[in-house]
Protein backbone atom coordinates (compact mmCIF):
# COMPACT_ATOMS: atom_id res chain seq x y z
CA MET A 1 118.24 126.45 65.10
CA HIS A 2 117.73 123.65 67.59
CA GLU A 3 117.63 120.12 66.32
CA ARG A 4 114.64 118.05 67.31
CA LEU A 5 114.72 115.89 70.39
CA PRO A 6 115.45 112.33 69.28
CA GLY A 7 112.46 110.05 69.18
CA VAL A 8 112.48 106.32 68.77
CA ALA A 9 113.83 105.49 65.33
CA ARG A 10 112.56 102.54 63.33
CA ASN A 11 115.63 100.46 64.14
CA GLY A 12 115.07 101.00 67.84
CA ALA A 13 117.82 103.58 68.35
CA ALA A 14 117.77 107.36 68.34
CA PRO A 15 120.24 110.04 67.27
CA VAL A 16 121.94 112.23 69.84
CA ASN A 17 120.22 115.48 70.75
CA ARG A 18 122.47 118.44 69.87
CA LEU A 19 120.97 121.09 72.12
CA PRO A 20 123.67 122.95 74.07
CA ASP A 21 121.97 122.41 77.42
CA VAL A 22 120.48 118.93 77.02
CA ARG A 23 121.76 115.81 75.32
CA LEU A 24 119.46 112.82 75.39
CA ARG A 25 119.18 109.44 73.72
CA VAL A 26 116.53 106.72 73.83
CA ALA A 27 117.36 103.25 72.50
CA ARG A 28 116.65 99.59 72.82
CA VAL A 29 118.94 97.94 75.37
CA ALA A 30 119.96 95.27 72.86
CA GLU A 31 121.03 97.90 70.33
CA VAL A 32 123.31 99.61 72.84
CA LEU A 33 124.85 96.36 74.07
CA ARG A 34 126.09 95.64 70.54
CA ASP A 35 128.32 98.72 70.79
CA LEU A 36 129.93 97.73 74.08
CA PRO A 37 133.52 96.42 74.23
CA ALA A 38 133.38 92.63 73.99
CA ASP A 39 134.01 90.59 77.15
CA SER A 40 135.21 93.53 79.21
CA ILE A 41 133.86 95.91 81.83
CA THR A 42 137.14 97.73 82.39
CA TRP A 43 135.56 100.89 80.96
CA LEU A 44 133.44 101.07 84.12
CA SER A 45 134.84 102.93 87.13
CA ALA A 46 135.56 101.04 90.35
CA SER A 47 132.32 102.19 91.97
CA GLU A 48 130.32 101.18 88.88
CA GLN A 49 131.90 97.74 88.88
CA VAL A 50 130.89 97.30 92.53
CA ARG A 51 127.32 98.30 91.70
CA LEU A 52 127.19 96.00 88.68
CA ALA A 53 128.39 93.05 90.78
CA ARG A 54 125.39 93.50 93.07
CA LEU A 55 122.93 93.15 90.19
CA ARG A 56 122.04 89.49 89.91
CA VAL A 57 119.22 89.61 87.35
CA PRO A 58 120.71 89.45 83.83
CA ALA A 59 118.15 91.85 82.33
CA ARG A 60 118.90 94.43 85.01
CA ARG A 61 122.65 94.08 84.42
CA ASP A 62 122.08 94.66 80.71
CA GLN A 63 120.06 97.79 81.45
CA TYR A 64 122.80 99.08 83.73
CA LEU A 65 125.55 98.53 81.19
CA ALA A 66 123.49 100.03 78.36
CA GLY A 67 122.60 103.12 80.38
CA HIS A 68 126.12 103.86 81.55
CA TRP A 69 127.51 103.37 78.06
CA LEU A 70 124.84 105.71 76.64
CA VAL A 71 125.85 108.40 79.13
CA ARG A 72 129.47 108.08 78.03
CA SER A 73 128.40 108.28 74.38
CA LEU A 74 126.56 111.53 75.08
CA LEU A 75 129.54 112.94 76.96
CA ALA A 76 131.83 112.01 74.08
CA ALA A 77 129.85 114.46 71.95
CA GLU A 78 131.56 117.12 74.08
CA GLY A 79 134.96 115.70 73.17
CA GLY A 80 137.01 112.54 73.18
CA THR A 81 135.59 109.03 73.14
CA PRO A 82 133.32 107.16 75.58
CA PHE A 83 136.47 105.67 77.14
CA ASP A 84 137.70 109.15 78.07
CA TRP A 85 134.79 109.76 80.43
CA SER A 86 134.15 108.17 83.80
CA LEU A 87 131.24 108.09 86.23
CA ASP A 88 131.04 107.69 90.00
CA GLU A 89 128.16 105.90 91.69
CA ARG A 90 126.42 107.81 94.47
CA PRO A 91 123.96 106.19 96.91
CA GLY A 92 120.43 107.34 96.18
CA LEU A 93 121.57 109.74 93.44
CA PRO A 94 122.31 109.52 89.72
CA PRO A 95 125.97 108.94 88.82
CA ALA A 96 128.35 111.89 88.86
CA VAL A 97 130.64 112.76 85.97
CA GLN A 98 134.22 112.62 87.21
CA ASP A 99 136.06 115.97 87.01
CA HIS A 100 132.95 117.73 85.66
CA ALA A 101 130.84 118.75 88.65
CA GLY A 102 128.71 121.07 86.51
CA LEU A 103 127.29 118.26 84.38
CA GLN A 104 124.10 116.48 85.47
CA VAL A 105 123.09 112.94 84.51
CA SER A 106 119.72 111.21 84.49
CA LEU A 107 118.99 107.58 83.59
CA SER A 108 115.81 105.58 83.18
CA HIS A 109 115.01 102.07 82.02
CA SER A 110 111.84 100.12 81.29
CA GLY A 111 111.62 96.70 79.73
CA LEU A 112 113.44 96.72 76.40
CA TRP A 113 114.26 100.43 76.60
CA ILE A 114 116.93 102.64 78.09
CA ALA A 115 117.14 106.43 78.20
CA ALA A 116 120.04 108.64 79.22
CA ALA A 117 120.42 112.40 79.48
CA VAL A 118 123.25 114.81 80.22
CA SER A 119 122.66 118.48 80.97
CA ALA A 120 124.41 121.55 82.27
CA ALA A 121 121.41 122.09 84.59
CA PRO A 122 119.36 119.78 86.84
CA ILE A 123 117.41 117.25 84.79
CA GLY A 124 115.19 114.26 85.43
CA ILE A 125 113.90 111.76 82.88
CA ASP A 126 111.55 108.82 83.16
CA ILE A 127 110.76 106.28 80.47
CA GLU A 128 108.01 103.68 80.72
CA GLN A 129 107.24 100.96 78.22
CA ARG A 130 103.53 100.99 77.38
CA ASP A 131 103.15 97.24 76.97
CA PRO A 132 102.16 95.31 79.01
CA PRO A 133 99.53 97.52 80.71
CA ARG A 134 100.37 98.54 84.28
CA SER A 135 97.17 97.52 86.04
CA ALA A 136 99.02 97.71 89.37
CA LEU A 137 98.94 101.51 89.07
CA ARG A 138 95.20 101.31 89.62
CA HIS A 139 95.94 100.91 93.34
CA PHE A 140 97.79 104.24 93.31
CA GLU A 141 95.28 106.19 91.25
CA HIS A 142 94.59 108.64 94.08
CA LEU A 143 98.31 109.56 94.11
CA LEU A 144 98.58 110.16 90.37
CA LEU A 145 95.52 112.12 89.25
CA ALA A 146 95.92 115.56 87.70
CA ASP A 147 93.90 118.50 88.99
CA ASP A 148 91.24 118.11 86.29
CA ASP A 149 91.09 114.28 86.30
CA THR A 150 87.92 112.57 87.52
CA PRO A 151 88.60 109.50 89.69
CA GLY A 152 87.74 106.23 88.00
CA THR A 153 87.77 107.61 84.45
CA LEU A 154 91.42 107.06 83.46
CA ASP A 155 92.64 103.85 81.85
CA ASP A 156 95.92 102.16 82.76
CA ASP A 157 97.86 103.95 80.03
CA ALA A 158 96.69 107.39 81.17
CA LEU A 159 97.70 106.56 84.74
CA LEU A 160 101.09 105.49 83.44
CA GLN A 161 101.47 108.92 81.83
CA ARG A 162 100.72 110.60 85.16
CA TRP A 163 103.32 108.36 86.81
CA VAL A 164 105.95 109.37 84.21
CA ILE A 165 105.26 113.06 84.80
CA LYS A 166 105.66 112.82 88.55
CA GLU A 167 108.64 110.46 88.39
CA ALA A 168 110.57 112.73 86.02
CA TRP A 169 110.00 115.71 88.33
CA VAL A 170 111.02 113.70 91.41
CA LYS A 171 114.22 112.56 89.72
CA ARG A 172 115.16 116.12 88.75
CA HIS A 173 114.89 117.11 92.39
CA HIS A 174 116.58 113.94 93.68
CA GLY A 175 113.51 113.02 95.68
CA SER A 176 111.69 109.76 96.25
CA ALA A 177 108.65 108.30 94.53
CA LEU A 178 107.24 107.00 97.79
CA PRO A 179 103.46 107.37 98.22
CA ASP A 180 103.67 110.37 100.55
CA GLN A 181 105.93 112.20 98.10
CA LEU A 182 103.67 111.46 95.12
CA ALA A 183 100.64 112.61 97.08
CA ARG A 184 102.25 116.01 97.68
CA LEU A 185 102.77 116.67 93.97
CA ARG A 186 99.90 118.34 92.13
CA ILE A 187 100.04 118.19 88.35
CA ALA A 188 98.12 120.21 85.79
CA ARG A 189 98.30 120.87 82.07
CA CYS A 190 99.84 124.21 81.17
CA ARG A 191 101.41 126.26 78.39
CA LEU A 192 104.68 124.89 77.05
CA ALA A 193 106.53 127.99 78.24
CA ASP A 194 105.43 127.23 81.82
CA ALA A 195 106.12 123.48 81.78
CA ASP A 196 108.04 121.74 84.53
CA VAL A 197 107.75 118.43 82.68
CA ARG A 198 107.33 117.68 78.99
CA LEU A 199 105.61 114.40 78.17
CA TYR A 200 106.26 112.58 74.88
CA CYS A 201 104.26 109.55 73.82
CA SER A 202 105.06 107.03 71.10
CA GLY A 203 103.48 103.72 70.27
CA ALA A 204 106.10 101.94 72.38
CA LEU A 205 106.66 104.20 75.36
CA HIS A 206 106.07 107.35 77.36
CA LEU A 207 108.99 109.69 78.07
CA GLY A 208 108.93 112.46 80.65
CA ILE A 209 111.62 115.14 80.74
CA ALA A 210 111.94 117.60 83.61
CA ALA A 211 114.52 120.13 82.46
CA GLY A 212 113.36 123.54 83.55
CA SER A 213 112.99 126.00 80.70
CA ALA A 214 115.12 124.05 78.18
CA ASP A 215 113.64 124.29 74.68
CA ILE A 216 113.73 120.57 73.95
CA GLY A 217 111.57 120.49 70.83
CA GLU A 218 109.64 117.61 69.27
CA VAL A 219 109.82 113.85 69.22
CA GLU A 220 109.67 112.74 65.59
CA GLY A 221 107.13 115.42 64.73
CA CYS A 222 105.08 114.93 67.89
CA ALA A 223 104.74 118.03 70.05
CA PRO A 224 105.08 117.43 73.79
CA GLU A 225 102.34 117.76 76.33
CA ALA A 226 103.20 120.46 78.85
CA TRP A 227 102.68 119.84 82.56
CA ARG A 228 103.12 121.98 85.64
CA VAL A 229 104.13 120.28 88.89
CA THR A 230 103.43 121.99 92.22
CA PRO A 231 104.52 120.52 95.57
CA SER A 232 101.82 121.01 98.19
């Protein structure tokens, strides 16, 4: 029996997903930072340390450290400790797991939250904090609408959901969320068995997971919305 996909626990963290093909964790950045080695970044690879040095905004540095530690924590579920695993930065791509070319990584951050996933197959995740509202998405409404959406009828939160769906799919395929790319993606609700992206919504955030046919399950008793994505 599959365990449920971890949702957001009351303390802000989430347990590790034990599915054989997908491991995923969502947590508050501050919670993850408490687990990091004190006053040291030697657990980062050389390429990660170079990337970190380029991040000047403290909040963004915290998100980076939290995400890369979460990935190592997920990998440690396969064996060893987080210190036994290393990642390589790749321009325009998610980090690669050293000496394990078959493993795929996806990372996403938003505000107070970080999400990390490891899979044996291509995967893309996107997490978006629901507060504050993203009124700026209103300017991109024409790029985000689903096939059965009526222009002008969706609120900011619904548009944010559409963004999460498309962004997760784009990340799985290592594409770009530029306007022309978003415009080419048609999205429509579908049966769970046919889903390209599963959308999970909590009071704090939206989480999109593009993981092919992986049976990911529920988020704290909440069944996912199933979405089909079709490039045009």
